[in-house]
Amino acid sequence: MESAGENTPGRFSRMTAPGGTFAPFRHSAFRAIWTANLFSAIGSSVQSVGAAWLMTELTSSHRLIALVQASVTLPIMLFGVIAGAIADNFDRRRIMLVAQMGMLIASGALAVMTYEKVVGPATLLAFTLAVGIGTALNSPAWQASVRAQVGREDLPQAISLNTLSFNMARSVGPALGGLLISVAGMAAAFAVNSISYIAMVWVLVRWRPQAPAPVRQAMLPSIRAGLSFCFGSAPVRKILVRGFCIGVGISGYQALIPAVVADRMHGGEFGYGLMLASFGIGSIAAALVVAPARRRWGTEAVIAVGSLSYVASIVALSLLSSVSSGLPFALIAGTGWVTTLTTLNVAMQMRSPEEILGRCLSIYSAVTFGGMAFGAWLWGAVADGASLPVALRAAAAWLTLVALILPRLAPMPKPHEGRVTIS
């Protein structure tokens, strides 16, 4: 019988072998970018806490509070397709550098203006919108560059690990942000985010990917080619429909949780950070198991479980009145978020040809985040017109309807349906 010490290296070797859970870490470029992105994502989470909580202090409008979330996702809908064409026509590393520098400057300016106490609701939304534009530019180039960092066999695991990085940041960042705001103020949260971009800028400056030079095309025909493929491919159309409809529903939690904590749970900025941290911990747990779950039960079952878990969490939060009672349901919401969105992302990646990969991913992001932006506005309006519990339950009802109807109207593609060969 093997001892524990003898068995552990063998198990670790299997996990880092091609196709294993941690196989992408064998690639030095992936390791460096993953680590830098983790720090950047922590900074973004800290800023998200600061921006959302600052808006609760600047206004009592649930719609404006929800628009903080919408202002981050709306640019992905508006500019994402153009950003995808840019990612396919220009050097992706340089695109990411420009985007990261732009977000660094915007976050730094927001920190200074907040410190000087000259920020109002409109100014805050303008700066979060600017960061959202940077994200919209960065996202297609970053997602499309994963293939240049790892091989074909490790691509699904790389996507899951990138999701894991993002959600590790969402577990650490919010609690850190809440603590930082309570000790040092809002401006400190925005300053930390500005500094967090430096690591990614440094890694990108040093990275020299071995990738063929992009074949440039005119922008409008390039965009048209991406749209033509995505909406002409039946498997991809189904993924886009699911992304939009799920995005509308899950945005209810993200957009209204600051108001729920402030108005119904009577919590402070640290309590809000704890709620987001619990959401992030659930996301981490899901990111570690979603790939094997998908292989064992299939995409349709995994999306259904994730969606209904999210529904249960939203309904529970509409009934609760304290942060401590909400933490377990925030954790469950985090598992549902990652389970659904990671599964959709992998399905899209596997059905996108290399030559239009950036455009395909940007169209997917535009549709999904467009659904989130619309949902944030919609549920905020419902909360202002009726109440927070009514808005949360309406979002849960929509997501339930989507989980029950769309598997029949727009079923997820079968494992080899529309799948492209990745070299």
Protein backbone atom coordinates (compact mmCIF):
# COMPACT_ATOMS: atom_id res chain seq x y z
CA MET A 1 0.00 0.00 0.00
CA GLU A 2 1.27 3.49 -0.86
CA SER A 3 1.82 5.90 1.95
CA ALA A 4 0.21 9.35 1.82
CA GLY A 5 3.57 10.89 1.03
CA GLU A 6 4.13 8.49 -1.89
CA ASN A 7 0.63 8.94 -3.28
CA THR A 8 0.52 12.73 -3.25
CA PRO A 9 3.23 13.33 -5.90
CA GLY A 10 1.55 10.80 -8.21
CA ARG A 11 -1.81 12.51 -7.82
CA PHE A 12 -0.20 15.92 -8.38
CA SER A 13 1.57 14.63 -11.48
CA ARG A 14 -1.72 13.47 -12.93
CA MET A 15 -3.32 16.86 -12.24
CA THR A 16 -0.49 18.68 -14.03
CA ALA A 17 -0.21 16.20 -16.93
CA PRO A 18 -1.78 17.24 -20.27
CA GLY A 19 -5.52 17.40 -19.80
CA GLY A 20 -5.21 17.55 -15.98
CA THR A 21 -6.88 20.22 -13.84
CA PHE A 22 -3.67 22.22 -13.33
CA ALA A 23 -1.97 21.31 -16.62
CA PRO A 24 -1.95 24.92 -17.93
CA PHE A 25 0.50 25.88 -15.17
CA ARG A 26 3.16 23.89 -17.04
CA HIS A 27 3.30 26.85 -19.46
CA SER A 28 5.37 29.77 -18.13
CA ALA A 29 3.38 32.41 -20.05
CA PHE A 30 0.12 31.14 -18.60
CA ARG A 31 1.57 31.10 -15.07
CA ALA A 32 2.79 34.70 -15.30
CA ILE A 33 -0.37 36.10 -16.87
CA TRP A 34 -2.61 34.11 -14.52
CA THR A 35 -0.79 35.44 -11.46
CA ALA A 36 -0.76 39.05 -12.67
CA ASN A 37 -4.41 38.80 -13.60
CA LEU A 38 -5.21 37.54 -10.10
CA PHE A 39 -3.73 40.68 -8.54
CA SER A 40 -5.50 42.88 -11.09
CA ALA A 41 -8.82 41.14 -10.43
CA ILE A 42 -8.40 41.60 -6.67
CA GLY A 43 -7.92 45.32 -7.30
CA SER A 44 -11.02 45.40 -9.50
CA SER A 45 -13.05 43.66 -6.78
CA VAL A 46 -11.85 46.21 -4.22
CA GLN A 47 -12.91 49.04 -6.55
CA SER A 48 -16.29 47.40 -7.23
CA VAL A 49 -17.03 47.37 -3.50
CA GLY A 50 -16.00 51.02 -3.22
CA ALA A 51 -18.02 52.18 -6.24
CA ALA A 52 -21.19 50.31 -5.27
CA TRP A 53 -21.03 51.41 -1.64
CA LEU A 54 -20.17 54.99 -2.54
CA MET A 55 -23.31 55.15 -4.69
CA THR A 56 -25.44 54.01 -1.72
CA GLU A 57 -24.07 57.04 0.16
CA LEU A 58 -24.59 59.44 -2.76
CA THR A 59 -28.20 58.48 -3.56
CA SER A 60 -31.17 56.43 -2.35
CA SER A 61 -32.23 55.50 -5.91
CA HIS A 62 -32.12 51.73 -6.44
CA ARG A 63 -31.91 52.37 -10.16
CA LEU A 64 -28.72 54.43 -9.83
CA ILE A 65 -27.23 51.85 -7.45
CA ALA A 66 -28.00 49.11 -9.99
CA LEU A 67 -26.49 51.23 -12.78
CA VAL A 68 -23.05 50.93 -11.13
CA GLN A 69 -23.11 47.27 -12.15
CA ALA A 70 -24.67 48.12 -15.53
CA SER A 71 -21.99 50.72 -16.27
CA VAL A 72 -19.33 48.01 -16.07
CA THR A 73 -21.17 45.56 -18.34
CA LEU A 74 -22.83 47.99 -20.80
CA PRO A 75 -19.57 48.87 -22.65
CA ILE A 76 -19.00 45.16 -23.33
CA MET A 77 -22.35 45.11 -25.11
CA LEU A 78 -21.80 48.41 -26.96
CA PHE A 79 -18.13 48.07 -27.92
CA GLY A 80 -17.45 44.36 -27.54
CA VAL A 81 -17.97 43.42 -31.18
CA ILE A 82 -15.65 46.21 -32.34
CA ALA A 83 -13.12 45.12 -29.71
CA GLY A 84 -13.32 41.57 -31.04
CA ALA A 85 -12.52 42.75 -34.56
CA ILE A 86 -9.60 44.75 -33.16
CA ALA A 87 -8.36 41.60 -31.34
CA ASP A 88 -8.37 39.65 -34.62
CA ASN A 89 -6.72 42.40 -36.68
CA PHE A 90 -3.99 43.67 -34.35
CA ASP A 91 -1.41 42.36 -31.89
CA ARG A 92 -3.44 41.06 -28.93
CA ARG A 93 -0.65 41.68 -26.44
CA ARG A 94 -0.48 45.36 -27.38
CA ILE A 95 -4.26 45.70 -27.22
CA MET A 96 -4.21 44.36 -23.66
CA LEU A 97 -1.41 46.76 -22.76
CA VAL A 98 -3.39 49.77 -24.02
CA ALA A 99 -6.52 48.61 -22.17
CA GLN A 100 -4.66 47.99 -18.90
CA MET A 101 -2.98 51.40 -19.04
CA GLY A 102 -6.31 53.09 -19.73
CA MET A 103 -7.95 51.41 -16.75
CA LEU A 104 -4.98 52.31 -14.55
CA ILE A 105 -5.37 56.00 -15.45
CA ALA A 106 -9.17 56.00 -14.99
CA SER A 107 -8.95 54.33 -11.57
CA GLY A 108 -6.19 56.70 -10.48
CA ALA A 109 -8.25 59.74 -11.50
CA LEU A 110 -11.28 58.39 -9.64
CA ALA A 111 -9.15 57.92 -6.51
CA VAL A 112 -7.93 61.54 -6.65
CA MET A 113 -11.41 62.98 -7.24
CA THR A 114 -12.92 60.87 -4.47
CA TYR A 115 -10.19 62.00 -2.07
CA GLU A 116 -10.99 65.61 -2.99
CA LYS A 117 -14.72 64.88 -2.41
CA VAL A 118 -15.80 66.13 -5.84
CA VAL A 119 -17.52 62.90 -7.01
CA GLY A 120 -21.28 62.77 -7.56
CA PRO A 121 -23.50 59.98 -8.96
CA ALA A 122 -22.95 61.04 -12.58
CA THR A 123 -19.18 61.37 -12.15
CA LEU A 124 -18.94 57.99 -10.46
CA LEU A 125 -20.91 56.34 -13.27
CA ALA A 126 -18.69 58.05 -15.85
CA PHE A 127 -15.53 56.60 -14.29
CA THR A 128 -16.99 53.10 -13.86
CA LEU A 129 -18.10 53.35 -17.50
CA ALA A 130 -14.53 54.26 -18.51
CA VAL A 131 -13.19 51.20 -16.69
CA GLY A 132 -15.91 49.15 -18.38
CA ILE A 133 -14.72 50.37 -21.79
CA GLY A 134 -11.20 49.25 -20.88
CA THR A 135 -12.59 45.85 -19.90
CA ALA A 136 -14.51 45.64 -23.17
CA LEU A 137 -11.31 46.31 -25.14
CA ASN A 138 -9.19 43.95 -23.05
CA SER A 139 -11.55 40.98 -22.75
CA PRO A 140 -11.64 39.61 -26.35
CA ALA A 141 -7.86 39.98 -26.75
CA TRP A 142 -7.24 38.31 -23.38
CA GLN A 143 -9.65 35.41 -23.96
CA ALA A 144 -8.37 34.84 -27.50
CA SER A 145 -4.74 34.87 -26.28
CA VAL A 146 -5.30 31.83 -24.04
CA ARG A 147 -4.67 29.55 -27.02
CA ALA A 148 -1.25 31.19 -27.46
CA GLN A 149 -0.45 30.44 -23.81
CA VAL A 150 -1.45 26.74 -23.68
CA GLY A 151 -1.97 23.85 -26.07
CA ARG A 152 -5.22 22.49 -27.43
CA GLU A 153 -5.52 19.76 -24.81
CA ASP A 154 -5.16 22.23 -21.94
CA LEU A 155 -7.55 24.91 -23.25
CA PRO A 156 -10.70 23.91 -21.28
CA GLN A 157 -8.64 23.65 -18.09
CA ALA A 158 -7.06 27.05 -18.80
CA ILE A 159 -10.52 28.62 -19.13
CA SER A 160 -11.57 27.05 -15.83
CA LEU A 161 -8.38 28.23 -14.11
CA ASN A 162 -8.90 31.76 -15.41
CA THR A 163 -12.41 31.61 -13.96
CA LEU A 164 -10.89 30.32 -10.72
CA SER A 165 -8.48 33.28 -10.62
CA PHE A 166 -11.32 35.71 -11.15
CA ASN A 167 -13.37 34.15 -8.37
CA MET A 168 -10.45 33.87 -5.97
CA ALA A 169 -10.21 37.63 -6.40
CA ARG A 170 -13.92 37.92 -5.75
CA SER A 171 -13.51 36.08 -2.45
CA VAL A 172 -10.50 38.05 -1.21
CA GLY A 173 -11.12 41.43 -2.85
CA PRO A 174 -14.55 42.30 -1.43
CA ALA A 175 -13.61 41.53 2.19
CA LEU A 176 -10.35 43.44 1.71
CA GLY A 177 -12.27 46.29 0.06
CA GLY A 178 -14.83 46.49 2.85
CA LEU A 179 -12.09 46.55 5.49
CA LEU A 180 -10.01 49.07 3.53
CA ILE A 181 -12.99 51.42 3.06
CA SER A 182 -13.91 51.27 6.74
CA VAL A 183 -10.31 52.08 7.77
CA ALA A 184 -8.97 54.36 5.02
CA GLY A 185 -11.99 55.54 3.02
CA MET A 186 -13.33 55.13 -0.53
CA ALA A 187 -10.38 56.82 -2.24
CA ALA A 188 -8.01 54.14 -0.91
CA ALA A 189 -10.05 51.40 -2.62
CA PHE A 190 -9.78 53.14 -5.98
CA ALA A 191 -6.05 53.79 -5.47
CA VAL A 192 -5.42 50.09 -4.72
CA ASN A 193 -7.15 49.13 -7.95
CA SER A 194 -5.02 51.59 -9.92
CA ILE A 195 -1.83 50.09 -8.48
CA SER A 196 -3.03 46.52 -9.15
CA TYR A 197 -2.80 47.03 -12.93
CA ILE A 198 0.97 47.50 -12.75
CA ALA A 199 1.75 43.76 -12.43
CA MET A 200 -0.25 42.93 -15.56
CA VAL A 201 1.38 45.77 -17.51
CA TRP A 202 4.82 44.48 -16.52
CA VAL A 203 4.03 40.88 -17.56
CA LEU A 204 2.58 41.98 -20.89
CA VAL A 205 5.63 44.15 -21.63
CA ARG A 206 7.87 41.09 -21.15
CA TRP A 207 5.65 38.48 -22.88
CA ARG A 208 6.58 37.52 -26.44
CA PRO A 209 3.91 35.06 -27.67
CA GLN A 210 4.76 32.66 -30.49
CA ALA A 211 1.73 33.41 -32.63
CA PRO A 212 1.31 34.16 -36.34
CA ALA A 213 0.90 37.81 -37.26
CA PRO A 214 -2.78 38.69 -37.70
CA VAL A 215 -4.08 39.06 -41.24
CA ARG A 216 -5.63 42.51 -41.23
CA GLN A 217 -8.97 43.18 -42.84
CA ALA A 218 -11.17 46.27 -43.12
CA MET A 219 -13.04 46.70 -39.82
CA LEU A 220 -16.64 46.66 -41.10
CA PRO A 221 -16.22 43.52 -43.27
CA SER A 222 -14.31 41.95 -40.37
CA ILE A 223 -17.17 42.65 -37.97
CA ARG A 224 -19.70 41.45 -40.55
CA ALA A 225 -17.81 38.16 -40.96
CA GLY A 226 -17.91 37.53 -37.19
CA LEU A 227 -21.62 38.36 -36.95
CA SER A 228 -22.37 36.24 -40.01
CA PHE A 229 -20.65 33.19 -38.52
CA CYS A 230 -22.15 33.53 -35.03
CA PHE A 231 -25.72 34.10 -36.14
CA GLY A 232 -25.42 31.70 -39.08
CA SER A 233 -24.21 28.79 -36.91
CA ALA A 234 -27.12 27.01 -35.23
CA PRO A 235 -25.00 25.70 -32.28
CA VAL A 236 -23.53 29.16 -31.61
CA ARG A 237 -26.95 30.82 -31.86
CA LYS A 238 -28.22 28.53 -29.11
CA ILE A 239 -25.30 29.51 -26.86
CA LEU A 240 -25.96 33.20 -27.49
CA VAL A 241 -29.65 32.89 -26.68
CA ARG A 242 -28.82 31.10 -23.44
CA GLY A 243 -26.17 33.68 -22.55
CA PHE A 244 -28.51 36.64 -22.99
CA CYS A 245 -31.45 35.12 -21.13
CA ILE A 246 -29.34 33.83 -18.23
CA GLY A 247 -27.51 37.19 -18.08
CA VAL A 248 -30.80 39.06 -17.58
CA GLY A 249 -31.73 36.81 -14.66
CA ILE A 250 -28.46 36.55 -12.78
CA SER A 251 -27.89 40.33 -12.91
CA GLY A 252 -30.63 40.76 -10.31
CA TYR A 253 -28.35 39.59 -7.52
CA GLN A 254 -25.26 41.50 -8.66
CA ALA A 255 -27.10 44.77 -9.26
CA LEU A 256 -29.24 44.85 -6.10
CA ILE A 257 -27.00 43.28 -3.45
CA PRO A 258 -25.52 46.68 -2.36
CA ALA A 259 -29.05 48.00 -1.72
CA VAL A 260 -30.09 44.74 -0.02
CA VAL A 261 -27.18 44.94 2.42
CA ALA A 262 -27.64 48.66 3.10
CA ASP A 263 -31.46 48.87 3.27
CA ARG A 264 -32.72 45.46 4.36
CA MET A 265 -29.79 43.90 6.22
CA HIS A 266 -28.64 47.20 7.77
CA GLY A 267 -25.03 46.23 7.16
CA GLY A 268 -22.04 48.45 6.54
CA GLU A 269 -19.32 48.35 3.94
CA PHE A 270 -17.57 45.45 5.67
CA GLY A 271 -20.78 43.42 5.73
CA TYR A 272 -21.20 44.10 2.02
CA GLY A 273 -17.62 42.95 1.46
CA LEU A 274 -18.32 39.75 3.38
CA MET A 275 -21.36 39.01 1.22
CA LEU A 276 -19.26 39.40 -1.92
CA ALA A 277 -16.46 37.34 -0.38
CA SER A 278 -18.88 34.50 0.35
CA PHE A 279 -20.06 34.73 -3.27
CA GLY A 280 -16.42 34.46 -4.37
CA ILE A 281 -15.74 31.40 -2.20
CA GLY A 282 -18.70 29.65 -3.77
CA SER A 283 -17.34 30.59 -7.18
CA ILE A 284 -13.94 29.05 -6.37
CA ALA A 285 -15.53 25.80 -5.25
CA ALA A 286 -17.58 25.61 -8.44
CA ALA A 287 -14.61 26.44 -10.70
CA LEU A 288 -12.72 23.43 -9.32
CA VAL A 289 -15.48 20.92 -10.04
CA VAL A 290 -17.38 22.34 -13.04
CA ALA A 291 -15.14 20.70 -15.68
CA PRO A 292 -15.47 17.11 -14.36
CA ALA A 293 -19.18 17.72 -13.69
CA ARG A 294 -19.62 18.82 -17.28
CA ARG A 295 -17.86 15.72 -18.58
CA ARG A 296 -19.94 13.43 -16.39
CA TRP A 297 -23.43 14.92 -16.66
CA GLY A 298 -23.30 17.17 -19.73
CA THR A 299 -23.70 20.90 -20.24
CA GLU A 300 -27.50 20.98 -20.05
CA ALA A 301 -27.64 19.37 -16.60
CA VAL A 302 -24.80 21.56 -15.25
CA ILE A 303 -26.46 24.78 -16.47
CA ALA A 304 -29.80 23.70 -14.99
CA VAL A 305 -28.28 23.00 -11.57
CA GLY A 306 -26.35 26.28 -11.63
CA SER A 307 -29.39 28.33 -12.65
CA LEU A 308 -31.70 26.80 -10.05
CA SER A 309 -29.07 27.22 -7.32
CA TYR A 310 -28.97 30.89 -8.21
CA VAL A 311 -32.77 31.07 -8.08
CA ALA A 312 -32.84 29.59 -4.58
CA SER A 313 -30.26 32.12 -3.40
CA ILE A 314 -32.09 35.15 -4.83
CA VAL A 315 -35.39 34.09 -3.29
CA ALA A 316 -33.72 33.50 0.08
CA LEU A 317 -32.05 36.92 0.02
CA SER A 318 -35.42 38.57 -0.60
CA LEU A 319 -36.62 37.13 2.73
CA LEU A 320 -33.57 37.67 4.97
CA SER A 321 -32.76 40.65 7.18
CA SER A 322 -29.16 40.15 8.35
CA VAL A 323 -25.76 39.72 6.75
CA SER A 324 -24.95 36.61 8.79
CA SER A 325 -28.07 34.80 7.54
CA GLY A 326 -27.32 35.86 3.96
CA LEU A 327 -23.75 34.55 3.78
CA PRO A 328 -24.59 30.88 3.02
CA PHE A 329 -26.93 31.92 0.21
CA ALA A 330 -24.33 34.27 -1.23
CA LEU A 331 -21.99 31.26 -1.37
CA ILE A 332 -24.63 29.21 -3.23
CA ALA A 333 -25.17 32.10 -5.66
CA GLY A 334 -21.44 32.10 -6.39
CA THR A 335 -21.52 28.42 -7.33
CA GLY A 336 -24.47 29.02 -9.65
CA TRP A 337 -22.76 32.00 -11.32
CA VAL A 338 -19.60 30.09 -12.23
CA THR A 339 -21.35 26.85 -13.12
CA THR A 340 -23.54 28.52 -15.75
CA LEU A 341 -21.19 31.14 -17.21
CA THR A 342 -18.07 28.94 -17.38
CA THR A 343 -20.03 26.22 -19.16
CA LEU A 344 -21.34 28.72 -21.72
CA ASN A 345 -17.86 30.21 -22.22
CA VAL A 346 -16.24 26.82 -22.86
CA ALA A 347 -19.01 25.88 -25.29
CA MET A 348 -18.40 29.12 -27.21
CA GLN A 349 -14.60 28.76 -27.26
CA MET A 350 -14.84 25.24 -28.65
CA ARG A 351 -17.07 26.35 -31.53
CA SER A 352 -15.14 29.46 -32.61
CA PRO A 353 -12.64 29.25 -35.51
CA GLU A 354 -9.17 30.63 -34.74
CA GLU A 355 -9.23 33.26 -37.49
CA ILE A 356 -12.35 34.94 -36.03
CA LEU A 357 -11.92 33.84 -32.41
CA GLY A 358 -11.74 37.36 -30.96
CA ARG A 359 -14.89 38.39 -32.79
CA CYS A 360 -16.79 35.28 -31.70
CA LEU A 361 -15.86 35.72 -28.05
CA SER A 362 -16.65 39.43 -28.15
CA ILE A 363 -20.07 38.74 -29.65
CA TYR A 364 -20.73 36.17 -26.92
CA SER A 365 -19.61 38.70 -24.27
CA ALA A 366 -21.66 41.49 -25.87
CA VAL A 367 -24.79 39.37 -25.84
CA THR A 368 -24.32 37.94 -22.33
CA PHE A 369 -23.18 41.16 -20.67
CA GLY A 370 -25.79 43.06 -22.64
CA GLY A 371 -28.35 40.83 -20.95
CA MET A 372 -26.75 41.64 -17.60
CA ALA A 373 -26.81 45.40 -18.28
CA PHE A 374 -30.45 45.27 -19.34
CA GLY A 375 -31.31 43.11 -16.33
CA ALA A 376 -29.54 45.49 -13.93
CA TRP A 377 -31.58 48.41 -15.25
CA LEU A 378 -34.81 46.37 -15.28
CA TRP A 379 -34.55 44.99 -11.75
CA GLY A 380 -33.43 48.39 -10.42
CA ALA A 381 -36.53 49.96 -11.99
CA VAL A 382 -38.74 47.25 -10.47
CA ALA A 383 -37.16 47.87 -7.05
CA ASP A 384 -37.84 51.60 -7.32
CA GLY A 385 -41.40 51.04 -8.55
CA ALA A 386 -42.32 48.22 -6.15
CA SER A 387 -39.68 47.04 -3.63
CA LEU A 388 -36.38 45.22 -3.35
CA PRO A 389 -37.99 41.85 -2.44
CA VAL A 390 -40.35 42.10 -5.43
CA ALA A 391 -37.43 42.85 -7.78
CA LEU A 392 -35.39 39.93 -6.45
CA ARG A 393 -38.31 37.52 -6.79
CA ALA A 394 -39.04 38.77 -10.30
CA ALA A 395 -35.41 38.04 -11.28
CA ALA A 396 -35.73 34.57 -9.73
CA ALA A 397 -38.99 33.94 -11.61
CA TRP A 398 -37.34 34.94 -14.92
CA LEU A 399 -34.37 32.64 -14.32
CA THR A 400 -36.69 29.76 -13.39
CA LEU A 401 -38.64 30.28 -16.62
CA VAL A 402 -35.38 30.28 -18.60
CA ALA A 403 -34.21 27.04 -16.92
CA LEU A 404 -37.49 25.30 -17.73
CA ILE A 405 -38.20 26.53 -21.27
CA LEU A 406 -34.87 27.11 -23.04
CA PRO A 407 -33.61 23.50 -22.91
CA ARG A 408 -36.49 22.82 -25.33
CA LEU A 409 -36.40 26.00 -27.41
CA ALA A 410 -32.61 26.50 -27.56
CA PRO A 411 -30.90 23.31 -26.31
CA MET A 412 -27.17 23.43 -25.72
CA PRO A 413 -25.11 21.90 -28.57
CA LYS A 414 -24.18 18.24 -28.32
CA PRO A 415 -20.49 17.55 -27.44
CA HIS A 416 -19.29 17.42 -31.09
CA GLU A 417 -21.98 19.63 -32.65
CA GLY A 418 -20.31 22.59 -34.37
CA ARG A 419 -17.01 21.94 -32.61
CA VAL A 420 -13.95 23.30 -34.44
CA THR A 421 -10.50 21.70 -34.66
CA ILE A 422 -7.98 23.64 -32.54
CA SER A 423 -4.35 23.36 -33.57
